[in-house]
Amino acid sequence: MTSDTIELWAAMLGFAYIAGAGIYFQLTLAKKHSPVSASYRIGRRPPPRSAKAKR
């Protein structure tokens, strides 16, 4: 492997690490601040509540 290939792999792994850390912190903060499941924070709306649940 040449040094260029090693640098490319190191950059890809670094970006993956940063992206993973960002997703992890987003999910942990969403769990602390909202009663809605964290999976609904990523591009989804929470399910509608029924009239009985609003009482």
Protein backbone atom coordinates (compact mmCIF):
# COMPACT_ATOMS: atom_id res chain seq x y z
CA MET A 1 0.00 0.00 0.00
CA THR A 2 1.25 3.43 -0.82
CA SER A 3 1.18 6.33 1.58
CA ASP A 4 -1.61 7.97 -0.45
CA THR A 5 -3.84 4.94 0.06
CA ILE A 6 -3.12 4.90 3.78
CA GLU A 7 -3.95 8.61 4.06
CA LEU A 8 -7.20 8.05 2.18
CA TRP A 9 -8.25 5.22 4.52
CA ALA A 10 -7.29 7.27 7.56
CA ALA A 11 -9.43 10.18 6.34
CA MET A 12 -12.41 7.89 5.68
CA LEU A 13 -12.15 6.29 9.12
CA GLY A 14 -11.84 9.72 10.74
CA PHE A 15 -14.99 10.99 9.02
CA ALA A 16 -16.86 7.82 9.99
CA TYR A 17 -15.78 8.26 13.61
CA ILE A 18 -16.95 11.88 13.68
CA ALA A 19 -20.29 10.99 12.06
CA GLY A 20 -20.83 8.14 14.51
CA ALA A 21 -20.06 10.34 17.48
CA GLY A 22 -22.48 12.98 16.22
CA ILE A 23 -25.30 10.47 15.82
CA TYR A 24 -24.57 8.99 19.24
CA PHE A 25 -24.72 12.35 21.00
CA GLN A 26 -27.85 13.37 19.11
CA LEU A 27 -29.63 10.21 20.24
CA THR A 28 -28.49 10.48 23.86
CA LEU A 29 -29.52 14.15 24.10
CA ALA A 30 -32.88 13.38 22.49
CA LYS A 31 -33.56 10.75 25.14
CA LYS A 32 -32.80 13.22 27.95
CA HIS A 33 -34.95 16.09 26.66
CA SER A 34 -37.97 14.42 25.12
CA PRO A 35 -40.40 11.71 26.15
CA VAL A 36 -40.67 10.74 22.47
CA SER A 37 -38.41 7.93 21.32
CA ALA A 38 -35.06 9.03 19.92
CA SER A 39 -35.71 7.20 16.65
CA TYR A 40 -38.43 9.75 15.88
CA ARG A 41 -35.91 12.60 16.04
CA ILE A 42 -34.24 11.56 12.81
CA GLY A 43 -36.56 12.64 9.99
CA ARG A 44 -39.81 11.31 11.47
CA ARG A 45 -42.82 12.80 13.17
CA PRO A 46 -44.10 11.36 16.42
CA PRO A 47 -47.22 9.20 16.16
CA PRO A 48 -50.48 11.07 16.75
CA ARG A 49 -51.95 10.76 20.21
CA SER A 50 -55.47 9.53 20.70
CA ALA A 51 -58.08 11.57 22.55
CA LYS A 52 -57.84 9.25 25.56
CA ALA A 53 -54.10 9.87 25.93
CA LYS A 54 -54.57 13.66 26.06
CA ARG A 55 -56.64 13.60 29.28
